Amino acid sequence: MTVCRISSDQMRYFVVVGHKAVTTGDFKLDDISGGAGRLDILVRCVNSAFFLSHDIRKDTQLYLVLQGGCDAPKTVRFSGDEVRYLNPDERSTSSLIRNALLKKIPEGEEMRSSPGVYVSRMSFSDVMSHLSEKGRIVYLKEDGTDIRSYALPQDPVFVISDSTDLTSEEESTLLSLSPDTISLGPHSLHADHCMVIVHNEMDRNAS
């Protein structure tokens, strides 16, 4: 097995697609799993992307691509080196996302909603095109190469779907970028659990 030692100053990018996650920001904070189109999945991904026991991962950026509702698509980006007011409870994270979605976004621009939280009208295709210039695209999928047999690249861009698979159009967009396809084990896992495993593998390789 080839082991690649990863520089401690690299970036880690995650893209999570929320196929039904609403984009209008008019949902109730106590109904994020129903009325907000399974936004709860994306909220848990935020926590898994950034929280350590007593710190925030500053080397991580997370792109949430929301595709539900009448104002889709929108992308909410969290930047670990800038983010403030991020707490482990799902309600406060949902509030940060809702506040971002309520912003009036200038055409073709990304707007800051709060420190380290940005919103834009980027589609999945837009996000992937943008990130393909920043690092190696890595598609997390059950039938991929086992992560423990895979040499993790510098500045990887990990792509994960929510509780449903990528659509054929989304997968075609992704495959056009010639991603590496890797698996995290023999079982299908929740998106937020996948992120924890990926972080752990990268932490171990960087130590």
Protein backbone atom coordinates (compact mmCIF):
# COMPACT_ATOMS: atom_id res chain seq x y z
CA MET A 1 0.00 0.00 0.00
CA THR A 2 1.28 3.45 -0.92
CA VAL A 3 1.05 6.03 1.86
CA CYS A 4 1.17 9.69 0.91
CA ARG A 5 2.26 12.06 3.65
CA ILE A 6 0.12 15.18 3.43
CA SER A 7 1.34 18.67 4.20
CA SER A 8 -0.25 20.19 7.28
CA ASP A 9 -0.94 23.46 5.41
CA GLN A 10 -3.10 21.96 2.68
CA MET A 11 -6.78 22.75 2.18
CA ARG A 12 -9.68 20.33 2.35
CA TYR A 13 -12.78 21.03 0.29
CA PHE A 14 -16.14 19.28 0.62
CA VAL A 15 -19.11 19.60 -1.71
CA VAL A 16 -22.45 18.26 -0.46
CA VAL A 17 -25.50 18.25 -2.74
CA GLY A 18 -28.87 18.76 -1.06
CA HIS A 19 -31.37 17.73 -3.71
CA LYS A 20 -34.47 18.87 -1.80
CA ALA A 21 -32.93 21.42 0.57
CA VAL A 22 -34.96 24.62 0.28
CA THR A 23 -33.40 27.81 -1.01
CA THR A 24 -35.92 30.45 0.06
CA GLY A 25 -34.99 30.75 3.73
CA ASP A 26 -38.63 30.83 4.86
CA PHE A 27 -38.50 27.54 6.78
CA LYS A 28 -38.95 27.08 10.52
CA LEU A 29 -35.87 26.21 12.56
CA ASP A 30 -37.76 23.46 14.37
CA ASP A 31 -38.69 21.71 11.11
CA ILE A 32 -35.45 21.43 9.16
CA SER A 33 -35.93 17.74 8.37
CA GLY A 34 -39.39 18.19 6.86
CA GLY A 35 -40.32 21.71 5.83
CA ALA A 36 -36.74 22.56 4.85
CA GLY A 37 -36.27 19.59 2.53
CA ARG A 38 -33.93 17.48 4.68
CA LEU A 39 -31.73 20.43 5.48
CA ASP A 40 -30.87 18.50 8.64
CA ILE A 41 -28.51 16.34 6.58
CA LEU A 42 -26.57 19.38 5.43
CA VAL A 43 -26.51 20.88 8.92
CA ARG A 44 -24.91 17.72 10.29
CA CYS A 45 -22.37 17.93 7.47
CA VAL A 46 -21.40 21.42 8.65
CA ASN A 47 -20.70 20.09 12.13
CA SER A 48 -18.70 17.14 10.84
CA ALA A 49 -16.69 19.34 8.48
CA PHE A 50 -15.48 21.80 11.10
CA PHE A 51 -15.73 20.74 14.72
CA LEU A 52 -12.88 19.31 16.73
CA SER A 53 -13.23 18.74 20.46
CA HIS A 54 -12.13 22.26 21.39
CA ASP A 55 -11.40 23.89 18.06
CA ILE A 56 -12.54 24.56 14.49
CA ARG A 57 -10.81 23.11 11.43
CA LYS A 58 -9.39 26.18 9.74
CA ASP A 59 -8.07 24.23 6.73
CA THR A 60 -11.54 23.26 5.51
CA GLN A 61 -14.13 24.76 3.18
CA LEU A 62 -17.60 23.33 2.72
CA TYR A 63 -19.92 24.02 -0.22
CA LEU A 64 -23.59 23.17 0.34
CA VAL A 65 -25.38 23.04 -3.01
CA LEU A 66 -29.10 23.52 -2.31
CA GLN A 67 -31.45 22.50 -5.08
CA GLY A 68 -34.96 22.55 -3.62
CA GLY A 69 -37.70 25.14 -3.75
CA CYS A 70 -38.59 27.90 -6.16
CA ASP A 71 -35.34 29.86 -5.90
CA ALA A 72 -32.87 27.07 -6.70
CA PRO A 73 -30.03 26.63 -7.06
CA LYS A 74 -28.06 28.34 -4.32
CA THR A 75 -24.73 27.47 -2.75
CA VAL A 76 -23.83 28.28 0.84
CA ARG A 77 -20.08 28.19 1.51
CA PHE A 78 -18.50 27.86 4.95
CA SER A 79 -14.84 28.81 5.35
CA GLY A 80 -13.15 27.42 8.46
CA ASP A 81 -10.47 30.09 8.73
CA GLU A 82 -13.06 32.88 8.90
CA VAL A 83 -16.20 31.37 10.42
CA ARG A 84 -17.65 32.82 13.62
CA TYR A 85 -20.80 32.13 15.62
CA LEU A 86 -20.74 28.45 14.60
CA ASN A 87 -21.93 26.22 17.43
CA PRO A 88 -22.45 22.44 17.61
CA ASP A 89 -26.24 22.56 17.94
CA GLU A 90 -28.24 22.09 14.75
CA ARG A 91 -30.57 25.00 15.38
CA SER A 92 -27.86 27.66 15.38
CA THR A 93 -26.22 26.18 12.27
CA SER A 94 -29.62 26.14 10.56
CA SER A 95 -30.00 29.80 11.47
CA LEU A 96 -26.69 30.67 9.80
CA ILE A 97 -27.83 28.91 6.63
CA ARG A 98 -31.28 30.52 6.73
CA ASN A 99 -29.79 33.99 7.16
CA ALA A 100 -27.58 33.36 4.13
CA LEU A 101 -30.53 32.22 2.02
CA LEU A 102 -32.49 35.37 2.89
CA LYS A 103 -29.83 37.62 1.35
CA LYS A 104 -30.48 39.30 -1.99
CA ILE A 105 -27.60 38.00 -4.06
CA PRO A 106 -26.17 40.21 -6.83
CA GLU A 107 -26.15 38.41 -10.16
CA GLY A 108 -22.95 36.42 -10.67
CA GLU A 109 -21.55 37.28 -7.25
CA GLU A 110 -20.98 35.63 -3.89
CA MET A 111 -22.24 37.55 -0.85
CA ARG A 112 -21.02 37.30 2.72
CA SER A 113 -23.86 36.59 5.11
CA SER A 114 -21.83 36.39 8.33
CA PRO A 115 -18.12 35.86 9.06
CA GLY A 116 -17.05 32.77 7.13
CA VAL A 117 -20.49 32.13 5.58
CA TYR A 118 -21.15 33.07 1.95
CA VAL A 119 -24.05 32.56 -0.44
CA SER A 120 -24.24 32.58 -4.23
CA ARG A 121 -26.40 31.29 -7.04
CA MET A 122 -23.80 28.79 -8.16
CA SER A 123 -25.15 25.49 -9.44
CA PHE A 124 -23.48 22.12 -8.89
CA SER A 125 -21.82 22.48 -12.28
CA ASP A 126 -20.56 25.96 -11.39
CA VAL A 127 -19.14 24.77 -8.06
CA MET A 128 -17.35 21.82 -9.62
CA SER A 129 -15.88 23.96 -12.40
CA HIS A 130 -14.63 26.44 -9.79
CA LEU A 131 -13.13 23.82 -7.48
CA SER A 132 -11.52 21.78 -10.25
CA GLU A 133 -8.97 24.60 -10.45
CA LYS A 134 -8.18 24.36 -6.73
CA GLY A 135 -7.50 20.68 -6.18
CA ARG A 136 -8.01 17.07 -7.18
CA ILE A 137 -11.68 16.01 -7.41
CA VAL A 138 -12.50 12.93 -5.30
CA TYR A 139 -15.92 11.29 -5.69
CA LEU A 140 -17.04 9.34 -2.62
CA LYS A 141 -18.96 6.31 -3.86
CA GLU A 142 -19.50 2.77 -2.58
CA ASP A 143 -17.87 1.04 -5.57
CA GLY A 144 -14.70 3.15 -5.60
CA THR A 145 -11.12 2.34 -4.60
CA ASP A 146 -10.75 1.73 -0.88
CA ILE A 147 -9.46 4.88 0.79
CA ARG A 148 -6.77 2.87 2.59
CA SER A 149 -5.33 1.86 -0.78
CA TYR A 150 -5.49 5.37 -2.14
CA ALA A 151 -2.82 8.07 -2.04
CA LEU A 152 -4.70 11.10 -0.77
CA PRO A 153 -3.83 14.18 -2.88
CA GLN A 154 -2.92 17.68 -1.81
CA ASP A 155 -5.92 20.02 -1.58
CA PRO A 156 -8.57 17.36 -2.32
CA VAL A 157 -12.15 18.23 -3.26
CA PHE A 158 -14.49 15.57 -1.86
CA VAL A 159 -17.93 15.29 -3.45
CA ILE A 160 -20.80 13.74 -1.48
CA SER A 161 -24.54 13.47 -2.13
CA ASP A 162 -27.25 13.68 0.52
CA SER A 163 -29.65 10.81 1.21
CA THR A 164 -30.11 10.23 -2.53
CA ASP A 165 -27.50 9.51 -5.19
CA LEU A 166 -26.34 12.13 -7.63
CA THR A 167 -28.63 12.41 -10.62
CA SER A 168 -27.38 11.08 -13.95
CA GLU A 169 -26.82 14.67 -15.09
CA GLU A 170 -24.87 15.56 -11.94
CA GLU A 171 -22.77 12.42 -12.18
CA SER A 172 -22.06 13.14 -15.84
CA THR A 173 -20.88 16.64 -14.89
CA LEU A 174 -18.67 15.19 -12.19
CA LEU A 175 -17.22 12.40 -14.34
CA SER A 176 -16.34 14.91 -17.06
CA LEU A 177 -13.73 16.24 -14.61
CA SER A 178 -12.05 12.80 -14.37
CA PRO A 179 -12.34 12.46 -10.59
CA ASP A 180 -10.79 9.77 -8.46
CA THR A 181 -13.55 7.54 -7.10
CA ILE A 182 -13.02 6.15 -3.62
CA SER A 183 -14.94 4.10 -1.09
CA LEU A 184 -14.84 4.44 2.69
CA GLY A 185 -15.72 0.86 3.50
CA PRO A 186 -18.13 -2.01 2.86
CA HIS A 187 -21.29 -0.23 4.04
CA SER A 188 -23.28 2.76 2.82
CA LEU A 189 -22.80 5.61 5.30
CA HIS A 190 -24.46 8.92 6.12
CA ALA A 191 -22.87 11.92 4.42
CA ASP A 192 -21.73 13.50 7.68
CA HIS A 193 -20.14 10.23 8.84
CA CYS A 194 -18.23 10.03 5.55
CA MET A 195 -16.73 13.44 6.26
CA VAL A 196 -15.52 12.40 9.71
CA ILE A 197 -13.82 9.33 8.25
CA VAL A 198 -12.15 11.36 5.51
CA HIS A 199 -10.87 13.89 8.02
CA ASN A 200 -9.52 11.10 10.21
CA GLU A 201 -7.65 9.47 7.33
CA MET A 202 -6.12 12.79 6.33
CA ASP A 203 -5.22 13.65 9.92
CA ARG A 204 -3.41 10.35 10.33
CA ASN A 205 -1.51 10.80 7.08
CA ALA A 206 -0.50 14.34 8.04
CA SER A 207 0.78 13.36 11.50
